[in-house]
Amino acid sequence: LLKQAAAPAGGTWGNTTMTVSLDAGPQVLSLSGITGAGSVIQMNYLILTPTGGGSTGTSTSISDTAATVLEAEGAINVTNATVVTNDSLQGGSSLQSTAPGNPMTFLYNVNVSTAGQYTVTYTKATVGPAGVYFELSKGGVVLNGIGVGPSETFTDETVTVTLEAGAQVLKVFGAPGESTILKVDKVTIAPVQ
């Protein structure tokens, strides 16, 4: 399930617009409707329009021989976070959640040179008493998740994932605990040697 939305009510034609992330390459999209008793859903057409994210943007090549650094402020389709320049903890730019306990998401367009196992390292800090949960997904499928404790200085947290070769969109989800702000400096992807 990519997205769910309510159709316009009242027996008239209307539009429903939503944003979804699609992987590059051929795929089958299906639409289903659930109605109440005596109701009928009629669909006239479906329009897909790039929004500047996904595979339509510039992608970063992920090397199969060396680490690739993805700066957080270079991510696309950022939600619930803002770029902080001259971050006092980092000395450079970072993404910061917009409110304590507020989860953030951001995307990267990548082109993985060779399928296989890669480490993903989140360079993060927290401001507040709680830790954070990180999750990396592709096309709505979770590749790996990790819960980590609080740290007022930027530290690295690493997980291992399996990536397919080719162009794809990776989504990072970061959920800080209650009363805590999350800051992300970068995400580093490196082949497992």
C-alpha atoms as a PDB file:
ATOM      1  CA  LEU A   1       0.000   0.000   0.000  1.00  0.00           C
ATOM      2  CA  LEU A   2       1.629   3.242  -1.180  1.00  0.00           C
ATOM      3  CA  LYS A   3      -1.103   5.631  -0.099  1.00  0.00           C
ATOM      4  CA  GLN A   4      -4.699   5.723   1.033  1.00  0.00           C
ATOM      5  CA  ALA A   5      -7.141   8.586   0.487  1.00  0.00           C
ATOM      6  CA  ALA A   6     -10.838   9.339   0.811  1.00  0.00           C
ATOM      7  CA  ALA A   7     -12.701  10.028  -2.428  1.00  0.00           C
ATOM      8  CA  PRO A   8     -14.822  13.181  -2.763  1.00  0.00           C
ATOM      9  CA  ALA A   9     -18.315  12.698  -1.317  1.00  0.00           C
ATOM     10  CA  GLY A  10     -21.655  13.907  -2.562  1.00  0.00           C
ATOM     11  CA  GLY A  11     -22.209  12.080  -5.849  1.00  0.00           C
ATOM     12  CA  THR A  12     -20.168  14.485  -7.987  1.00  0.00           C
ATOM     13  CA  TRP A  13     -16.868  14.214  -9.838  1.00  0.00           C
ATOM     14  CA  GLY A  14     -13.883  15.460  -7.883  1.00  0.00           C
ATOM     15  CA  ASN A  15     -10.122  15.187  -7.649  1.00  0.00           C
ATOM     16  CA  THR A  16      -8.026  13.467  -5.038  1.00  0.00           C
ATOM     17  CA  THR A  17      -4.301  14.341  -5.047  1.00  0.00           C
ATOM     18  CA  MET A  18      -1.578  12.556  -3.113  1.00  0.00           C
ATOM     19  CA  THR A  19       2.203  12.212  -3.185  1.00  0.00           C
ATOM     20  CA  VAL A  20       3.854   8.789  -3.330  1.00  0.00           C
ATOM     21  CA  SER A  21       7.441   7.578  -3.823  1.00  0.00           C
ATOM     22  CA  LEU A  22       7.967   5.254  -6.786  1.00  0.00           C
ATOM     23  CA  ASP A  23      11.049   3.211  -7.634  1.00  0.00           C
ATOM     24  CA  ALA A  24      12.656   3.574 -11.049  1.00  0.00           C
ATOM     25  CA  GLY A  25      11.828   0.996 -13.721  1.00  0.00           C
ATOM     26  CA  PRO A  26       8.781  -0.944 -14.886  1.00  0.00           C
ATOM     27  CA  GLN A  27       6.106  -1.648 -12.292  1.00  0.00           C
ATOM     28  CA  VAL A  28       2.407  -2.349 -11.934  1.00  0.00           C
ATOM     29  CA  LEU A  29       0.218   0.098 -10.000  1.00  0.00           C
ATOM     30  CA  SER A  30      -3.219  -1.025  -8.882  1.00  0.00           C
ATOM     31  CA  LEU A  31      -6.077   1.116  -7.611  1.00  0.00           C
ATOM     32  CA  SER A  32      -8.818  -0.259  -5.380  1.00  0.00           C
ATOM     33  CA  GLY A  33     -11.930   1.284  -3.972  1.00  0.00           C
ATOM     34  CA  ILE A  34     -13.963   0.368  -0.924  1.00  0.00           C
ATOM     35  CA  THR A  35     -17.483   1.709  -0.739  1.00  0.00           C
ATOM     36  CA  GLY A  36     -20.232   1.873   1.797  1.00  0.00           C
ATOM     37  CA  ALA A  37     -23.550   0.106   1.271  1.00  0.00           C
ATOM     38  CA  GLY A  38     -25.196   1.203  -1.987  1.00  0.00           C
ATOM     39  CA  SER A  39     -22.250   3.364  -3.076  1.00  0.00           C
ATOM     40  CA  VAL A  40     -20.322   3.137  -6.337  1.00  0.00           C
ATOM     41  CA  ILE A  41     -16.851   4.448  -7.146  1.00  0.00           C
ATOM     42  CA  GLN A  42     -16.209   5.614 -10.700  1.00  0.00           C
ATOM     43  CA  MET A  43     -12.763   6.641 -11.866  1.00  0.00           C
ATOM     44  CA  ASN A  44     -12.164   8.602 -15.052  1.00  0.00           C
ATOM     45  CA  TYR A  45      -8.342   8.814 -15.172  1.00  0.00           C
ATOM     46  CA  LEU A  46      -5.081   8.781 -13.220  1.00  0.00           C
ATOM     47  CA  ILE A  47      -2.297  11.343 -13.735  1.00  0.00           C
ATOM     48  CA  LEU A  48       1.262  10.783 -12.467  1.00  0.00           C
ATOM     49  CA  THR A  49       3.354  13.955 -12.183  1.00  0.00           C
ATOM     50  CA  PRO A  50       6.949  14.177 -10.884  1.00  0.00           C
ATOM     51  CA  THR A  51       7.264  16.434  -7.822  1.00  0.00           C
ATOM     52  CA  GLY A  52      11.018  17.015  -7.949  1.00  0.00           C
ATOM     53  CA  GLY A  53      11.763  14.082  -5.676  1.00  0.00           C
ATOM     54  CA  GLY A  54      12.040  10.438  -6.519  1.00  0.00           C
ATOM     55  CA  SER A  55      13.950   9.235  -9.523  1.00  0.00           C
ATOM     56  CA  THR A  56      13.380  12.504 -11.433  1.00  0.00           C
ATOM     57  CA  GLY A  57      15.984  14.383  -9.364  1.00  0.00           C
ATOM     58  CA  THR A  58      19.763  14.162  -9.493  1.00  0.00           C
ATOM     59  CA  SER A  59      21.061  10.929  -8.012  1.00  0.00           C
ATOM     60  CA  THR A  60      24.225  10.203  -6.069  1.00  0.00           C
ATOM     61  CA  SER A  61      26.317   7.201  -7.102  1.00  0.00           C
ATOM     62  CA  ILE A  62      26.883   4.697  -4.304  1.00  0.00           C
ATOM     63  CA  SER A  63      30.339   3.165  -4.752  1.00  0.00           C
ATOM     64  CA  ASP A  64      31.032  -0.531  -4.276  1.00  0.00           C
ATOM     65  CA  THR A  65      34.649   0.224  -3.251  1.00  0.00           C
ATOM     66  CA  ALA A  66      34.506   3.301  -0.960  1.00  0.00           C
ATOM     67  CA  ALA A  67      32.177   5.146   1.425  1.00  0.00           C
ATOM     68  CA  THR A  68      29.675   7.641  -0.013  1.00  0.00           C
ATOM     69  CA  VAL A  69      28.680  10.569   2.235  1.00  0.00           C
ATOM     70  CA  LEU A  70      25.152  11.957   1.861  1.00  0.00           C
ATOM     71  CA  GLU A  71      24.894  15.298   3.675  1.00  0.00           C
ATOM     72  CA  ALA A  72      21.554  15.636   5.482  1.00  0.00           C
ATOM     73  CA  GLU A  73      20.995  19.186   4.207  1.00  0.00           C
ATOM     74  CA  GLY A  74      21.245  17.789   0.630  1.00  0.00           C
ATOM     75  CA  ALA A  75      18.269  15.452   1.114  1.00  0.00           C
ATOM     76  CA  ILE A  76      15.002  15.932  -0.796  1.00  0.00           C
ATOM     77  CA  ASN A  77      11.333  15.845   0.273  1.00  0.00           C
ATOM     78  CA  VAL A  78      12.228  16.739   3.869  1.00  0.00           C
ATOM     79  CA  THR A  79       9.303  16.686   6.318  1.00  0.00           C
ATOM     80  CA  ASN A  80       9.193  17.932   9.919  1.00  0.00           C
ATOM     81  CA  ALA A  81      12.806  19.185   9.808  1.00  0.00           C
ATOM     82  CA  THR A  82      14.717  22.328   8.886  1.00  0.00           C
ATOM     83  CA  VAL A  83      18.297  22.980   7.867  1.00  0.00           C
ATOM     84  CA  VAL A  84      20.382  24.533  10.640  1.00  0.00           C
ATOM     85  CA  THR A  85      23.455  26.321   9.295  1.00  0.00           C
ATOM     86  CA  ASN A  86      26.460  26.727  11.562  1.00  0.00           C
ATOM     87  CA  ASP A  87      25.083  24.159  14.013  1.00  0.00           C
ATOM     88  CA  SER A  88      26.784  24.843  17.353  1.00  0.00           C
ATOM     89  CA  LEU A  89      27.253  21.102  17.977  1.00  0.00           C
ATOM     90  CA  GLN A  90      28.582  20.276  14.514  1.00  0.00           C
ATOM     91  CA  GLY A  91      30.232  23.422  13.204  1.00  0.00           C
ATOM     92  CA  GLY A  92      28.505  22.892   9.829  1.00  0.00           C
ATOM     93  CA  SER A  93      24.945  22.363   8.629  1.00  0.00           C
ATOM     94  CA  SER A  94      22.517  19.717   9.876  1.00  0.00           C
ATOM     95  CA  LEU A  95      18.839  18.801   9.698  1.00  0.00           C
ATOM     96  CA  GLN A  96      16.925  19.389  12.932  1.00  0.00           C
ATOM     97  CA  SER A  97      13.443  18.169  13.861  1.00  0.00           C
ATOM     98  CA  THR A  98      10.959  21.037  14.013  1.00  0.00           C
ATOM     99  CA  ALA A  99       9.637  20.233  17.498  1.00  0.00           C
ATOM    100  CA  PRO A 100      10.590  17.966  20.417  1.00  0.00           C
ATOM    101  CA  GLY A 101       9.411  14.405  19.824  1.00  0.00           C
ATOM    102  CA  ASN A 102       8.534  15.257  16.211  1.00  0.00           C
ATOM    103  CA  PRO A 103       9.646  12.514  13.747  1.00  0.00           C
ATOM    104  CA  MET A 104      11.395  13.623  10.548  1.00  0.00           C
ATOM    105  CA  THR A 105      11.719  11.999   7.135  1.00  0.00           C
ATOM    106  CA  PHE A 106      13.946  12.765   4.184  1.00  0.00           C
ATOM    107  CA  LEU A 107      14.844  11.099   0.894  1.00  0.00           C
ATOM    108  CA  TYR A 108      17.965  10.487  -1.170  1.00  0.00           C
ATOM    109  CA  ASN A 109      18.068   9.620  -4.878  1.00  0.00           C
ATOM    110  CA  VAL A 110      20.878   7.107  -5.245  1.00  0.00           C
ATOM    111  CA  ASN A 111      22.303   4.875  -7.942  1.00  0.00           C
ATOM    112  CA  VAL A 112      23.870   1.782  -6.401  1.00  0.00           C
ATOM    113  CA  SER A 113      26.698   0.461  -8.595  1.00  0.00           C
ATOM    114  CA  THR A 114      26.622  -3.150  -7.360  1.00  0.00           C
ATOM    115  CA  ALA A 115      23.984  -5.104  -5.458  1.00  0.00           C
ATOM    116  CA  GLY A 116      25.098  -6.353  -2.063  1.00  0.00           C
ATOM    117  CA  GLN A 117      25.545  -5.590   1.611  1.00  0.00           C
ATOM    118  CA  TYR A 118      26.308  -2.025   2.693  1.00  0.00           C
ATOM    119  CA  THR A 119      26.712  -0.314   6.034  1.00  0.00           C
ATOM    120  CA  VAL A 120      24.569   2.757   6.664  1.00  0.00           C
ATOM    121  CA  THR A 121      25.943   5.137   9.289  1.00  0.00           C
ATOM    122  CA  TYR A 122      23.769   7.905  10.728  1.00  0.00           C
ATOM    123  CA  THR A 123      25.756  10.795  12.222  1.00  0.00           C
ATOM    124  CA  LYS A 124      23.308  12.261  14.740  1.00  0.00           C
ATOM    125  CA  ALA A 125      22.884  14.164  17.989  1.00  0.00           C
ATOM    126  CA  THR A 126      19.944  14.667  20.326  1.00  0.00           C
ATOM    127  CA  VAL A 127      18.978  17.614  22.469  1.00  0.00           C
ATOM    128  CA  GLY A 128      16.910  16.260  25.339  1.00  0.00           C
ATOM    129  CA  PRO A 129      16.634  13.230  27.587  1.00  0.00           C
ATOM    130  CA  ALA A 130      15.420  10.556  25.136  1.00  0.00           C
ATOM    131  CA  GLY A 131      16.981   8.467  22.387  1.00  0.00           C
ATOM    132  CA  VAL A 132      15.903   8.087  18.776  1.00  0.00           C
ATOM    133  CA  TYR A 133      14.665   5.396  16.401  1.00  0.00           C
ATOM    134  CA  PHE A 134      16.097   5.372  12.849  1.00  0.00           C
ATOM    135  CA  GLU A 135      14.668   3.457   9.926  1.00  0.00           C
ATOM    136  CA  LEU A 136      15.859   3.135   6.323  1.00  0.00           C
ATOM    137  CA  SER A 137      13.316   2.063   3.730  1.00  0.00           C
ATOM    138  CA  LYS A 138      12.920   1.746  -0.023  1.00  0.00           C
ATOM    139  CA  GLY A 139       9.543   1.752  -1.730  1.00  0.00           C
ATOM    140  CA  GLY A 140       7.736   1.377   1.601  1.00  0.00           C
ATOM    141  CA  VAL A 141       9.782  -1.700   2.601  1.00  0.00           C
ATOM    142  CA  VAL A 142      11.877  -1.285   5.750  1.00  0.00           C
ATOM    143  CA  LEU A 143      15.496  -2.303   5.108  1.00  0.00           C
ATOM    144  CA  ASN A 144      16.654  -1.841   8.708  1.00  0.00           C
ATOM    145  CA  GLY A 145      15.706  -0.048  11.923  1.00  0.00           C
ATOM    146  CA  ILE A 146      17.721   0.809  15.022  1.00  0.00           C
ATOM    147  CA  GLY A 147      16.964   2.396  18.385  1.00  0.00           C
ATOM    148  CA  VAL A 148      19.803   4.388  19.940  1.00  0.00           C
ATOM    149  CA  GLY A 149      20.314   6.292  23.161  1.00  0.00           C
ATOM    150  CA  PRO A 150      20.634  10.056  23.573  1.00  0.00           C
ATOM    151  CA  SER A 151      23.871  11.893  22.819  1.00  0.00           C
ATOM    152  CA  GLU A 152      24.345  15.650  22.966  1.00  0.00           C
ATOM    153  CA  THR A 153      27.417  15.378  20.734  1.00  0.00           C
ATOM    154  CA  PHE A 154      27.318  14.004  17.197  1.00  0.00           C
ATOM    155  CA  THR A 155      27.941  10.246  17.211  1.00  0.00           C
ATOM    156  CA  ASP A 156      27.757   7.512  14.565  1.00  0.00           C
ATOM    157  CA  GLU A 157      25.207   4.692  14.613  1.00  0.00           C
ATOM    158  CA  THR A 158      25.690   1.949  11.997  1.00  0.00           C
ATOM    159  CA  VAL A 159      23.417  -0.759  10.564  1.00  0.00           C
ATOM    160  CA  THR A 160      23.881  -3.200   7.680  1.00  0.00           C
ATOM    161  CA  VAL A 161      21.431  -3.371   4.766  1.00  0.00           C
ATOM    162  CA  THR A 162      21.160  -5.177   1.447  1.00  0.00           C
ATOM    163  CA  LEU A 163      20.786  -2.829  -1.529  1.00  0.00           C
ATOM    164  CA  GLU A 164      19.798  -3.686  -5.087  1.00  0.00           C
ATOM    165  CA  ALA A 165      21.842  -2.319  -7.995  1.00  0.00           C
ATOM    166  CA  GLY A 166      20.484   0.653  -9.940  1.00  0.00           C
ATOM    167  CA  ALA A 167      18.590   3.894  -9.385  1.00  0.00           C
ATOM    168  CA  GLN A 168      16.378   4.027  -6.292  1.00  0.00           C
ATOM    169  CA  VAL A 169      15.006   6.309  -3.606  1.00  0.00           C
ATOM    170  CA  LEU A 170      16.054   5.675  -0.006  1.00  0.00           C
ATOM    171  CA  LYS A 171      13.919   7.132   2.786  1.00  0.00           C
ATOM    172  CA  VAL A 172      15.304   7.947   6.230  1.00  0.00           C
ATOM    173  CA  PHE A 173      12.845   8.111   9.140  1.00  0.00           C
ATOM    174  CA  GLY A 174      14.094   9.482  12.458  1.00  0.00           C
ATOM    175  CA  ALA A 175      11.824   9.563  15.494  1.00  0.00           C
ATOM    176  CA  PRO A 176      13.200  11.222  18.630  1.00  0.00           C
ATOM    177  CA  GLY A 177      11.700  10.355  21.989  1.00  0.00           C
ATOM    178  CA  GLU A 178       9.453  12.686  23.966  1.00  0.00           C
ATOM    179  CA  SER A 179      10.908  16.131  24.788  1.00  0.00           C
ATOM    180  CA  THR A 180      13.878  15.496  22.474  1.00  0.00           C
ATOM    181  CA  ILE A 181      15.101  17.253  19.313  1.00  0.00           C
ATOM    182  CA  LEU A 182      16.921  15.153  16.692  1.00  0.00           C
ATOM    183  CA  LYS A 183      19.806  16.532  14.613  1.00  0.00           C
ATOM    184  CA  VAL A 184      21.242  14.637  11.634  1.00  0.00           C
ATOM    185  CA  ASP A 185      24.545  15.668  10.046  1.00  0.00           C
ATOM    186  CA  LYS A 186      24.964  12.994   7.377  1.00  0.00           C
ATOM    187  CA  VAL A 187      24.241   9.457   6.252  1.00  0.00           C
ATOM    188  CA  THR A 188      27.239   7.433   5.031  1.00  0.00           C
ATOM    189  CA  ILE A 189      26.801   4.333   2.885  1.00  0.00           C
ATOM    190  CA  ALA A 190      29.777   1.993   2.439  1.00  0.00           C
ATOM    191  CA  PRO A 191      30.173  -1.497   0.968  1.00  0.00           C
ATOM    192  CA  VAL A 192      30.736  -4.332   3.428  1.00  0.00           C
ATOM    193  CA  GLN A 193      34.276  -5.543   2.737  1.00  0.00           C
END
